[in-house]
């Protein structure tokens, strides 16, 4: 374990990510599972991006945002899985402080961007269903670029603020992160500095990045449901609901796993179970999103033929 002298304190300059070392008998199975998951996730999301770019039937705001979501989730899962797979192969679980902070920055920034982007996608569906005559005028190219760019910028900016505060902390031991990546609480609890303010700032920023987008998404679907239920024909209602069913499924999955990982209390004795919940949020969600859109969206299915 490498340490550096800072005054009277010995500062840690690298962490050990424990990951799933507590269950050594399934290491090879976990490696295969995560490898297949990563390859499938990247392939599925790249396929959707390729279809959005090449198929002229998909050149509209809804699929522009879907392409952004696929790009985001390709980057998102790539911040965690490649390094985890390398650790399984080499049995080296050490990460430098700088590497840990960099991983946290991209992971948190992309997660925050996804919260905003999912809200933008629900707003797109709200305009399409509730104000169809104004859809083209409102969701023009400039507006789409601003909404997508704003989603990426908000997530990365909030993450940059928290990461810069984390870099001011002193770590003087122990240096073992009981997780499979550099998440906020597993890292901060190793600090020997006062972490009160960074926890407060992070709580405020996390609340701003999750609660308003979630409420706006919820409000959008209340209006969408109210409009769809007023459509006289069952065929019209089914067609309207089918245009947003994929997105609603993704939103439910994303926020559902987010709540389980960060809001539901978990006893300290269930450390490995907590990691399993985190796998659902960080690994499985990017995997199933392309499958959901492929199976539930008629335009994507037509483009695949």
C-alpha atoms as a PDB file:
ATOM      1  CA  UNK A   1       0.000   0.000   0.000  1.00  0.00           C
ATOM      2  CA  UNK A   2       1.507   3.290  -1.086  1.00  0.00           C
ATOM      3  CA  UNK A   3       1.315   6.303   1.207  1.00  0.00           C
ATOM      4  CA  UNK A   4       2.681   9.838   1.093  1.00  0.00           C
ATOM      5  CA  UNK A   5       3.775  11.948   4.043  1.00  0.00           C
ATOM      6  CA  UNK A   6       1.742  15.131   4.607  1.00  0.00           C
ATOM      7  CA  UNK A   7       2.863  16.939   7.738  1.00  0.00           C
ATOM      8  CA  UNK A   8       2.129  14.711  10.710  1.00  0.00           C
ATOM      9  CA  UNK A   9      -0.313  12.571   8.706  1.00  0.00           C
ATOM     10  CA  UNK A  10       0.332   9.707   6.314  1.00  0.00           C
ATOM     11  CA  UNK A  11      -1.889  10.260   3.296  1.00  0.00           C
ATOM     12  CA  UNK A  12      -3.193   7.358   1.225  1.00  0.00           C
ATOM     13  CA  UNK A  13      -2.411   7.766  -2.489  1.00  0.00           C
ATOM     14  CA  UNK A  14      -4.257   4.693  -3.770  1.00  0.00           C
ATOM     15  CA  UNK A  15      -7.324   2.632  -2.922  1.00  0.00           C
ATOM     16  CA  UNK A  16      -8.058  -1.072  -3.020  1.00  0.00           C
ATOM     17  CA  UNK A  17     -11.468  -1.826  -4.537  1.00  0.00           C
ATOM     18  CA  UNK A  18     -12.662  -4.974  -2.796  1.00  0.00           C
ATOM     19  CA  UNK A  19     -15.406  -5.698  -5.324  1.00  0.00           C
ATOM     20  CA  UNK A  20     -16.640  -9.276  -4.967  1.00  0.00           C
ATOM     21  CA  UNK A  21     -13.480 -10.737  -3.429  1.00  0.00           C
ATOM     22  CA  UNK A  22     -15.510 -12.012  -0.467  1.00  0.00           C
ATOM     23  CA  UNK A  23     -16.976 -14.712  -2.747  1.00  0.00           C
ATOM     24  CA  UNK A  24     -13.843 -16.102  -4.495  1.00  0.00           C
ATOM     25  CA  UNK A  25     -15.554 -19.326  -5.570  1.00  0.00           C
ATOM     26  CA  UNK A  26     -17.649 -17.479  -8.186  1.00  0.00           C
ATOM     27  CA  UNK A  27     -15.000 -15.094  -9.563  1.00  0.00           C
ATOM     28  CA  UNK A  28     -14.792 -16.820 -12.959  1.00  0.00           C
ATOM     29  CA  UNK A  29     -18.582 -16.965 -13.277  1.00  0.00           C
ATOM     30  CA  UNK A  30     -18.817 -13.269 -12.432  1.00  0.00           C
ATOM     31  CA  UNK A  31     -16.134 -12.465 -15.001  1.00  0.00           C
ATOM     32  CA  UNK A  32     -18.041 -14.294 -17.745  1.00  0.00           C
ATOM     33  CA  UNK A  33     -21.333 -12.736 -16.703  1.00  0.00           C
ATOM     34  CA  UNK A  34     -19.978  -9.185 -16.699  1.00  0.00           C
ATOM     35  CA  UNK A  35     -18.068  -9.751 -19.954  1.00  0.00           C
ATOM     36  CA  UNK A  36     -21.178 -10.960 -21.799  1.00  0.00           C
ATOM     37  CA  UNK A  37     -23.198  -8.141 -20.240  1.00  0.00           C
ATOM     38  CA  UNK A  38     -20.713  -5.485 -21.335  1.00  0.00           C
ATOM     39  CA  UNK A  39     -20.402  -6.788 -24.899  1.00  0.00           C
ATOM     40  CA  UNK A  40     -24.203  -7.044 -25.240  1.00  0.00           C
ATOM     41  CA  UNK A  41     -24.747  -3.584 -23.750  1.00  0.00           C
ATOM     42  CA  UNK A  42     -22.245  -1.890 -26.039  1.00  0.00           C
ATOM     43  CA  UNK A  43     -23.481  -3.776 -29.111  1.00  0.00           C
ATOM     44  CA  UNK A  44     -27.158  -3.030 -28.388  1.00  0.00           C
ATOM     45  CA  UNK A  45     -26.630   0.657 -27.753  1.00  0.00           C
ATOM     46  CA  UNK A  46     -24.283   1.079 -30.737  1.00  0.00           C
ATOM     47  CA  UNK A  47     -26.875  -0.658 -32.922  1.00  0.00           C
ATOM     48  CA  UNK A  48     -29.555   1.815 -31.852  1.00  0.00           C
ATOM     49  CA  UNK A  49     -27.195   4.758 -32.485  1.00  0.00           C
ATOM     50  CA  UNK A  50     -26.385   3.400 -35.938  1.00  0.00           C
ATOM     51  CA  UNK A  51     -30.089   2.965 -36.782  1.00  0.00           C
ATOM     52  CA  UNK A  52     -30.912   6.486 -35.602  1.00  0.00           C
ATOM     53  CA  UNK A  53     -28.160   7.939 -37.799  1.00  0.00           C
ATOM     54  CA  UNK A  54     -28.695   5.841 -40.940  1.00  0.00           C
ATOM     55  CA  UNK A  55     -32.482   5.254 -41.122  1.00  0.00           C
ATOM     56  CA  UNK A  56     -34.297   8.371 -42.340  1.00  0.00           C
ATOM     57  CA  UNK A  57     -37.545   7.143 -40.747  1.00  0.00           C
ATOM     58  CA  UNK A  58     -35.895   7.673 -37.362  1.00  0.00           C
ATOM     59  CA  UNK A  59     -34.791  11.243 -38.046  1.00  0.00           C
ATOM     60  CA  UNK A  60     -37.133  12.898 -35.549  1.00  0.00           C
ATOM     61  CA  UNK A  61     -36.768  14.310 -32.021  1.00  0.00           C
ATOM     62  CA  UNK A  62     -37.867  11.151 -30.197  1.00  0.00           C
ATOM     63  CA  UNK A  63     -35.146   9.032 -31.796  1.00  0.00           C
ATOM     64  CA  UNK A  64     -32.587  11.826 -31.588  1.00  0.00           C
ATOM     65  CA  UNK A  65     -33.004  11.704 -27.806  1.00  0.00           C
ATOM     66  CA  UNK A  66     -32.969   7.904 -27.880  1.00  0.00           C
ATOM     67  CA  UNK A  67     -29.641   8.022 -29.726  1.00  0.00           C
ATOM     68  CA  UNK A  68     -28.304  10.347 -27.019  1.00  0.00           C
ATOM     69  CA  UNK A  69     -29.526   7.938 -24.340  1.00  0.00           C
ATOM     70  CA  UNK A  70     -27.750   5.035 -26.042  1.00  0.00           C
ATOM     71  CA  UNK A  71     -24.517   7.032 -26.312  1.00  0.00           C
ATOM     72  CA  UNK A  72     -24.810   8.046 -22.673  1.00  0.00           C
ATOM     73  CA  UNK A  73     -25.338   4.486 -21.466  1.00  0.00           C
ATOM     74  CA  UNK A  74     -22.471   3.162 -23.586  1.00  0.00           C
ATOM     75  CA  UNK A  75     -20.172   5.657 -21.853  1.00  0.00           C
ATOM     76  CA  UNK A  76     -21.865   5.050 -18.508  1.00  0.00           C
ATOM     77  CA  UNK A  77     -21.262   1.301 -18.400  1.00  0.00           C
ATOM     78  CA  UNK A  78     -17.741   1.794 -19.821  1.00  0.00           C
ATOM     79  CA  UNK A  79     -16.721   3.791 -16.746  1.00  0.00           C
ATOM     80  CA  UNK A  80     -17.105   0.676 -14.559  1.00  0.00           C
ATOM     81  CA  UNK A  81     -17.076  -2.651 -16.394  1.00  0.00           C
ATOM     82  CA  UNK A  82     -13.764  -2.608 -18.322  1.00  0.00           C
ATOM     83  CA  UNK A  83     -11.802  -1.921 -15.152  1.00  0.00           C
ATOM     84  CA  UNK A  84     -13.765  -4.527 -13.223  1.00  0.00           C
ATOM     85  CA  UNK A  85     -13.092  -7.125 -15.929  1.00  0.00           C
ATOM     86  CA  UNK A  86      -9.374  -6.281 -15.863  1.00  0.00           C
ATOM     87  CA  UNK A  87      -9.343  -6.787 -12.084  1.00  0.00           C
ATOM     88  CA  UNK A  88     -10.889 -10.239 -12.470  1.00  0.00           C
ATOM     89  CA  UNK A  89      -8.157 -11.207 -14.953  1.00  0.00           C
ATOM     90  CA  UNK A  90      -5.136  -9.731 -13.180  1.00  0.00           C
ATOM     91  CA  UNK A  91      -6.241  -9.951  -9.539  1.00  0.00           C
ATOM     92  CA  UNK A  92      -5.096  -6.349  -9.183  1.00  0.00           C
ATOM     93  CA  UNK A  93      -7.686  -4.240  -7.386  1.00  0.00           C
ATOM     94  CA  UNK A  94      -5.603  -1.108  -6.775  1.00  0.00           C
ATOM     95  CA  UNK A  95      -6.713   2.266  -8.148  1.00  0.00           C
ATOM     96  CA  UNK A  96      -4.989   5.623  -7.663  1.00  0.00           C
ATOM     97  CA  UNK A  97      -6.801   8.523  -6.023  1.00  0.00           C
ATOM     98  CA  UNK A  98      -6.838  10.349  -9.341  1.00  0.00           C
ATOM     99  CA  UNK A  99      -8.218   7.313 -11.148  1.00  0.00           C
ATOM    100  CA  UNK A 100     -10.878   6.857  -8.481  1.00  0.00           C
ATOM    101  CA  UNK A 101     -11.993  10.494  -8.678  1.00  0.00           C
ATOM    102  CA  UNK A 102     -12.043  10.334 -12.483  1.00  0.00           C
ATOM    103  CA  UNK A 103     -14.233   7.230 -12.425  1.00  0.00           C
ATOM    104  CA  UNK A 104     -16.575   8.884  -9.940  1.00  0.00           C
ATOM    105  CA  UNK A 105     -16.764  12.067 -12.052  1.00  0.00           C
ATOM    106  CA  UNK A 106     -17.850  10.268 -15.215  1.00  0.00           C
ATOM    107  CA  UNK A 107     -20.124   7.783 -13.466  1.00  0.00           C
ATOM    108  CA  UNK A 108     -21.997  10.444 -11.489  1.00  0.00           C
ATOM    109  CA  UNK A 109     -22.040  12.951 -14.321  1.00  0.00           C
ATOM    110  CA  UNK A 110     -23.529  10.456 -16.755  1.00  0.00           C
ATOM    111  CA  UNK A 111     -26.078   9.251 -14.177  1.00  0.00           C
ATOM    112  CA  UNK A 112     -27.161  12.854 -13.596  1.00  0.00           C
ATOM    113  CA  UNK A 113     -27.322  13.474 -17.335  1.00  0.00           C
ATOM    114  CA  UNK A 114     -29.574  10.418 -17.703  1.00  0.00           C
ATOM    115  CA  UNK A 115     -32.015  11.817 -15.137  1.00  0.00           C
ATOM    116  CA  UNK A 116     -32.277  15.022 -17.167  1.00  0.00           C
ATOM    117  CA  UNK A 117     -32.415  13.245 -20.529  1.00  0.00           C
ATOM    118  CA  UNK A 118     -35.243  10.943 -19.449  1.00  0.00           C
ATOM    119  CA  UNK A 119     -37.193  14.047 -18.435  1.00  0.00           C
ATOM    120  CA  UNK A 120     -36.508  15.639 -21.814  1.00  0.00           C
ATOM    121  CA  UNK A 121     -37.804  12.481 -23.511  1.00  0.00           C
ATOM    122  CA  UNK A 122     -41.000  12.591 -21.440  1.00  0.00           C
ATOM    123  CA  UNK A 123     -41.438  16.262 -22.391  1.00  0.00           C
ATOM    124  CA  UNK A 124     -41.042  15.281 -26.045  1.00  0.00           C
ATOM    125  CA  UNK A 125     -43.820  12.683 -25.655  1.00  0.00           C
ATOM    126  CA  UNK A 126     -45.989  15.238 -23.833  1.00  0.00           C
ATOM    127  CA  UNK A 127     -45.714  17.729 -26.719  1.00  0.00           C
ATOM    128  CA  UNK A 128     -46.281  14.991 -29.325  1.00  0.00           C
ATOM    129  CA  UNK A 129     -49.454  13.666 -27.674  1.00  0.00           C
ATOM    130  CA  UNK A 130     -50.938  16.686 -25.908  1.00  0.00           C
ATOM    131  CA  UNK A 131     -49.983  19.401 -28.432  1.00  0.00           C
ATOM    132  CA  UNK A 132     -49.492  17.577 -31.739  1.00  0.00           C
ATOM    133  CA  UNK A 133     -50.226  20.618 -33.909  1.00  0.00           C
ATOM    134  CA  UNK A 134     -47.389  22.552 -32.257  1.00  0.00           C
ATOM    135  CA  UNK A 135     -44.945  19.649 -32.105  1.00  0.00           C
ATOM    136  CA  UNK A 136     -42.866  20.543 -35.168  1.00  0.00           C
ATOM    137  CA  UNK A 137     -42.624  24.205 -34.189  1.00  0.00           C
ATOM    138  CA  UNK A 138     -41.651  23.497 -30.565  1.00  0.00           C
ATOM    139  CA  UNK A 139     -39.363  20.485 -31.013  1.00  0.00           C
ATOM    140  CA  UNK A 140     -37.238  21.970 -33.783  1.00  0.00           C
ATOM    141  CA  UNK A 141     -33.595  21.093 -34.328  1.00  0.00           C
ATOM    142  CA  UNK A 142     -32.247  23.941 -32.222  1.00  0.00           C
ATOM    143  CA  UNK A 143     -34.519  23.089 -29.288  1.00  0.00           C
ATOM    144  CA  UNK A 144     -33.529  19.411 -29.436  1.00  0.00           C
ATOM    145  CA  UNK A 145     -29.828  20.261 -29.401  1.00  0.00           C
ATOM    146  CA  UNK A 146     -30.286  22.637 -26.469  1.00  0.00           C
ATOM    147  CA  UNK A 147     -32.283  20.095 -24.453  1.00  0.00           C
ATOM    148  CA  UNK A 148     -29.827  17.266 -25.112  1.00  0.00           C
ATOM    149  CA  UNK A 149     -26.757  19.453 -24.551  1.00  0.00           C
ATOM    150  CA  UNK A 150     -28.272  20.889 -21.374  1.00  0.00           C
ATOM    151  CA  UNK A 151     -28.873  17.390 -20.009  1.00  0.00           C
ATOM    152  CA  UNK A 152     -25.226  16.399 -20.529  1.00  0.00           C
ATOM    153  CA  UNK A 153     -23.948  19.727 -19.158  1.00  0.00           C
ATOM    154  CA  UNK A 154     -26.104  19.656 -15.997  1.00  0.00           C
ATOM    155  CA  UNK A 155     -24.984  16.158 -15.030  1.00  0.00           C
ATOM    156  CA  UNK A 156     -21.286  16.756 -15.703  1.00  0.00           C
ATOM    157  CA  UNK A 157     -21.286  20.174 -13.992  1.00  0.00           C
ATOM    158  CA  UNK A 158     -22.835  18.811 -10.782  1.00  0.00           C
ATOM    159  CA  UNK A 159     -20.399  15.908 -10.830  1.00  0.00           C
ATOM    160  CA  UNK A 160     -17.444  18.266 -11.347  1.00  0.00           C
ATOM    161  CA  UNK A 161     -18.434  20.266  -8.258  1.00  0.00           C
ATOM    162  CA  UNK A 162     -18.638  17.187  -6.034  1.00  0.00           C
ATOM    163  CA  UNK A 163     -15.464  15.662  -7.476  1.00  0.00           C
ATOM    164  CA  UNK A 164     -13.510  18.870  -6.862  1.00  0.00           C
ATOM    165  CA  UNK A 165     -14.668  18.811  -3.229  1.00  0.00           C
ATOM    166  CA  UNK A 166     -13.674  15.148  -2.874  1.00  0.00           C
ATOM    167  CA  UNK A 167     -10.179  16.011  -4.066  1.00  0.00           C
ATOM    168  CA  UNK A 168      -9.795  18.355  -1.083  1.00  0.00           C
ATOM    169  CA  UNK A 169     -10.307  15.494   1.380  1.00  0.00           C
ATOM    170  CA  UNK A 170      -7.431  13.763   3.142  1.00  0.00           C
ATOM    171  CA  UNK A 171      -7.297   9.972   3.233  1.00  0.00           C
ATOM    172  CA  UNK A 172      -4.999   8.530   5.889  1.00  0.00           C
ATOM    173  CA  UNK A 173      -6.237   4.950   6.123  1.00  0.00           C
ATOM    174  CA  UNK A 174      -7.815   2.491   5.830  1.00  0.00           C
ATOM    175  CA  UNK A 175      -7.836   2.458   2.040  1.00  0.00           C
ATOM    176  CA  UNK A 176     -10.183  -0.431   1.156  1.00  0.00           C
ATOM    177  CA  UNK A 177     -13.347   0.539  -0.749  1.00  0.00           C
ATOM    178  CA  UNK A 178     -16.040  -2.036  -0.004  1.00  0.00           C
ATOM    179  CA  UNK A 179     -17.663  -1.697  -3.419  1.00  0.00           C
ATOM    180  CA  UNK A 180     -16.924  -2.602  -7.031  1.00  0.00           C
ATOM    181  CA  UNK A 181     -16.391   1.000  -8.142  1.00  0.00           C
ATOM    182  CA  UNK A 182     -15.674   4.426  -6.650  1.00  0.00           C
ATOM    183  CA  UNK A 183     -19.084   5.540  -5.423  1.00  0.00           C
ATOM    184  CA  UNK A 184     -19.534   8.555  -3.157  1.00  0.00           C
ATOM    185  CA  UNK A 185     -20.261   7.087   0.288  1.00  0.00           C
ATOM    186  CA  UNK A 186     -17.794   4.143   0.151  1.00  0.00           C
ATOM    187  CA  UNK A 187     -15.009   6.626  -0.717  1.00  0.00           C
ATOM    188  CA  UNK A 188     -15.945   9.532   1.563  1.00  0.00           C
ATOM    189  CA  UNK A 189     -16.306   7.349   4.645  1.00  0.00           C
ATOM    190  CA  UNK A 190     -12.581   6.491   4.308  1.00  0.00           C
ATOM    191  CA  UNK A 191     -11.588  10.143   4.697  1.00  0.00           C
ATOM    192  CA  UNK A 192     -10.092  11.432   7.921  1.00  0.00           C
ATOM    193  CA  UNK A 193     -11.224  14.986   7.064  1.00  0.00           C
ATOM    194  CA  UNK A 194     -14.489  16.629   8.108  1.00  0.00           C
ATOM    195  CA  UNK A 195     -16.996  15.392   5.524  1.00  0.00           C
ATOM    196  CA  UNK A 196     -20.079  17.238   6.822  1.00  0.00           C
ATOM    197  CA  UNK A 197     -20.079  19.950   4.150  1.00  0.00           C
ATOM    198  CA  UNK A 198     -19.315  17.712   1.196  1.00  0.00           C
ATOM    199  CA  UNK A 199     -22.150  15.395   2.206  1.00  0.00           C
ATOM    200  CA  UNK A 200     -24.510  18.367   2.484  1.00  0.00           C
ATOM    201  CA  UNK A 201     -23.490  19.808  -0.904  1.00  0.00           C
ATOM    202  CA  UNK A 202     -23.751  16.386  -2.539  1.00  0.00           C
ATOM    203  CA  UNK A 203     -27.201  15.817  -1.030  1.00  0.00           C
ATOM    204  CA  UNK A 204     -28.420  19.183  -2.375  1.00  0.00           C
ATOM    205  CA  UNK A 205     -27.005  18.593  -5.862  1.00  0.00           C
ATOM    206  CA  UNK A 206     -28.292  15.006  -5.990  1.00  0.00           C
ATOM    207  CA  UNK A 207     -31.747  16.225  -4.931  1.00  0.00           C
ATOM    208  CA  UNK A 208     -31.741  18.896  -7.651  1.00  0.00           C
ATOM    209  CA  UNK A 209     -30.661  16.386 -10.286  1.00  0.00           C
ATOM    210  CA  UNK A 210     -33.171  13.693  -9.383  1.00  0.00           C
ATOM    211  CA  UNK A 211     -36.275  15.097  -7.675  1.00  0.00           C
ATOM    212  CA  UNK A 212     -37.276  17.879 -10.147  1.00  0.00           C
ATOM    213  CA  UNK A 213     -36.650  15.648 -13.217  1.00  0.00           C
ATOM    214  CA  UNK A 214     -38.643  12.836 -11.602  1.00  0.00           C
ATOM    215  CA  UNK A 215     -41.552  15.167 -10.751  1.00  0.00           C
ATOM    216  CA  UNK A 216     -41.534  16.711 -14.235  1.00  0.00           C
ATOM    217  CA  UNK A 217     -41.561  13.240 -15.777  1.00  0.00           C
ATOM    218  CA  UNK A 218     -44.448  12.243 -13.519  1.00  0.00           C
ATOM    219  CA  UNK A 219     -46.414  15.391 -14.383  1.00  0.00           C
ATOM    220  CA  UNK A 220     -45.802  14.823 -18.110  1.00  0.00           C
ATOM    221  CA  UNK A 221     -47.269  11.331 -17.910  1.00  0.00           C
ATOM    222  CA  UNK A 222     -50.267  12.546 -15.899  1.00  0.00           C
ATOM    223  CA  UNK A 223     -51.083  14.950 -18.733  1.00  0.00           C
ATOM    224  CA  UNK A 224     -50.332  12.288 -21.352  1.00  0.00           C
ATOM    225  CA  UNK A 225     -52.619   9.761 -19.650  1.00  0.00           C
ATOM    226  CA  UNK A 226     -55.397  12.334 -19.323  1.00  0.00           C
ATOM    227  CA  UNK A 227     -55.143  13.202 -23.030  1.00  0.00           C
ATOM    228  CA  UNK A 228     -54.957   9.584 -24.213  1.00  0.00           C
ATOM    229  CA  UNK A 229     -57.979   8.511 -22.136  1.00  0.00           C
ATOM    230  CA  UNK A 230     -60.051  11.178 -23.876  1.00  0.00           C
ATOM    231  CA  UNK A 231     -59.338   9.667 -27.319  1.00  0.00           C
ATOM    232  CA  UNK A 232     -62.639   8.050 -28.403  1.00  0.00           C
ATOM    233  CA  UNK A 233     -61.291   5.038 -30.326  1.00  0.00           C
ATOM    234  CA  UNK A 234     -59.448   2.161 -28.668  1.00  0.00           C
ATOM    235  CA  UNK A 235     -57.121   1.994 -31.674  1.00  0.00           C
ATOM    236  CA  UNK A 236     -56.153   5.633 -31.197  1.00  0.00           C
ATOM    237  CA  UNK A 237     -55.562   5.122 -27.497  1.00  0.00           C
ATOM    238  CA  UNK A 238     -53.402   2.065 -28.132  1.00  0.00           C
ATOM    239  CA  UNK A 239     -51.342   3.895 -30.769  1.00  0.00           C
ATOM    240  CA  UNK A 240     -50.804   6.886 -28.483  1.00  0.00           C
ATOM    241  CA  UNK A 241     -49.764   4.744 -25.520  1.00  0.00           C
ATOM    242  CA  UNK A 242     -47.442   2.635 -27.677  1.00  0.00           C
ATOM    243  CA  UNK A 243     -45.375   5.706 -28.589  1.00  0.00           C
ATOM    244  CA  UNK A 244     -44.373   6.240 -24.945  1.00  0.00           C
ATOM    245  CA  UNK A 245     -44.598   2.742 -23.396  1.00  0.00           C
ATOM    246  CA  UNK A 246     -40.906   2.030 -24.012  1.00  0.00           C
ATOM    247  CA  UNK A 247     -39.829   5.269 -22.371  1.00  0.00           C
ATOM    248  CA  UNK A 248     -42.171   4.730 -19.421  1.00  0.00           C
ATOM    249  CA  UNK A 249     -40.682   1.270 -18.872  1.00  0.00           C
ATOM    250  CA  UNK A 250     -37.135   2.672 -18.937  1.00  0.00           C
ATOM    251  CA  UNK A 251     -38.052   5.482 -16.513  1.00  0.00           C
ATOM    252  CA  UNK A 252     -39.644   3.007 -14.089  1.00  0.00           C
ATOM    253  CA  UNK A 253     -36.615   0.732 -14.225  1.00  0.00           C
ATOM    254  CA  UNK A 254     -34.109   3.576 -13.831  1.00  0.00           C
ATOM    255  CA  UNK A 255     -35.763   5.336 -10.901  1.00  0.00           C
ATOM    256  CA  UNK A 256     -36.827   2.056  -9.302  1.00  0.00           C
ATOM    257  CA  UNK A 257     -33.254   0.771  -9.097  1.00  0.00           C
ATOM    258  CA  UNK A 258     -32.016   4.248  -8.094  1.00  0.00           C
ATOM    259  CA  UNK A 259     -34.387   4.273  -5.115  1.00  0.00           C
ATOM    260  CA  UNK A 260     -33.448   0.743  -4.042  1.00  0.00           C
ATOM    261  CA  UNK A 261     -29.704   1.492  -4.175  1.00  0.00           C
ATOM    262  CA  UNK A 262     -29.608   4.923  -2.523  1.00  0.00           C
ATOM    263  CA  UNK A 263     -32.805   5.407  -0.497  1.00  0.00           C
ATOM    264  CA  UNK A 264     -33.824   2.017   0.891  1.00  0.00           C
ATOM    265  CA  UNK A 265     -31.914   1.376   4.152  1.00  0.00           C
ATOM    266  CA  UNK A 266     -29.688  -1.719   4.028  1.00  0.00           C
ATOM    267  CA  UNK A 267     -28.072  -3.230   7.142  1.00  0.00           C
ATOM    268  CA  UNK A 268     -24.268  -3.279   7.243  1.00  0.00           C
ATOM    269  CA  UNK A 269     -24.423  -7.079   7.391  1.00  0.00           C
ATOM    270  CA  UNK A 270     -25.816  -7.142   3.864  1.00  0.00           C
ATOM    271  CA  UNK A 271     -22.802  -5.593   2.132  1.00  0.00           C
ATOM    272  CA  UNK A 272     -22.731  -8.069  -0.745  1.00  0.00           C
ATOM    273  CA  UNK A 273     -26.495  -7.723  -1.230  1.00  0.00           C
ATOM    274  CA  UNK A 274     -26.027  -3.972  -1.499  1.00  0.00           C
ATOM    275  CA  UNK A 275     -23.501  -4.578  -4.272  1.00  0.00           C
ATOM    276  CA  UNK A 276     -26.027  -6.772  -6.082  1.00  0.00           C
ATOM    277  CA  UNK A 277     -28.559  -3.922  -5.989  1.00  0.00           C
ATOM    278  CA  UNK A 278     -25.870  -1.605  -7.357  1.00  0.00           C
ATOM    279  CA  UNK A 279     -25.214  -4.047 -10.208  1.00  0.00           C
ATOM    280  CA  UNK A 280     -28.888  -3.764 -11.168  1.00  0.00           C
ATOM    281  CA  UNK A 281     -28.553   0.023 -11.337  1.00  0.00           C
ATOM    282  CA  UNK A 282     -25.148   0.387 -12.955  1.00  0.00           C
ATOM    283  CA  UNK A 283     -24.906  -2.699 -15.195  1.00  0.00           C
ATOM    284  CA  UNK A 284     -28.300  -4.238 -15.930  1.00  0.00           C
ATOM    285  CA  UNK A 285     -30.203  -1.015 -16.684  1.00  0.00           C
ATOM    286  CA  UNK A 286     -27.917  -0.047 -19.627  1.00  0.00           C
ATOM    287  CA  UNK A 287     -28.215  -3.663 -20.825  1.00  0.00           C
ATOM    288  CA  UNK A 288     -32.004  -3.899 -20.908  1.00  0.00           C
ATOM    289  CA  UNK A 289     -32.773  -0.426 -22.283  1.00  0.00           C
ATOM    290  CA  UNK A 290     -31.838  -1.338 -25.901  1.00  0.00           C
ATOM    291  CA  UNK A 291     -33.852  -4.560 -25.535  1.00  0.00           C
ATOM    292  CA  UNK A 292     -36.881  -2.622 -24.298  1.00  0.00           C
ATOM    293  CA  UNK A 293     -36.777  -0.198 -27.226  1.00  0.00           C
ATOM    294  CA  UNK A 294     -36.115  -3.003 -29.722  1.00  0.00           C
ATOM    295  CA  UNK A 295     -39.018  -5.144 -28.517  1.00  0.00           C
ATOM    296  CA  UNK A 296     -41.595  -2.447 -27.707  1.00  0.00           C
ATOM    297  CA  UNK A 297     -41.000   0.200 -30.379  1.00  0.00           C
ATOM    298  CA  UNK A 298     -42.435  -0.556 -33.816  1.00  0.00           C
ATOM    299  CA  UNK A 299     -40.181   1.944 -35.605  1.00  0.00           C
ATOM    300  CA  UNK A 300     -37.044   0.337 -34.197  1.00  0.00           C
ATOM    301  CA  UNK A 301     -38.336  -3.129 -35.117  1.00  0.00           C
ATOM    302  CA  UNK A 302     -39.032  -1.979 -38.680  1.00  0.00           C
ATOM    303  CA  UNK A 303     -35.562  -0.444 -38.959  1.00  0.00           C
ATOM    304  CA  UNK A 304     -33.990  -3.746 -37.819  1.00  0.00           C
ATOM    305  CA  UNK A 305     -35.640  -5.715 -40.641  1.00  0.00           C
END
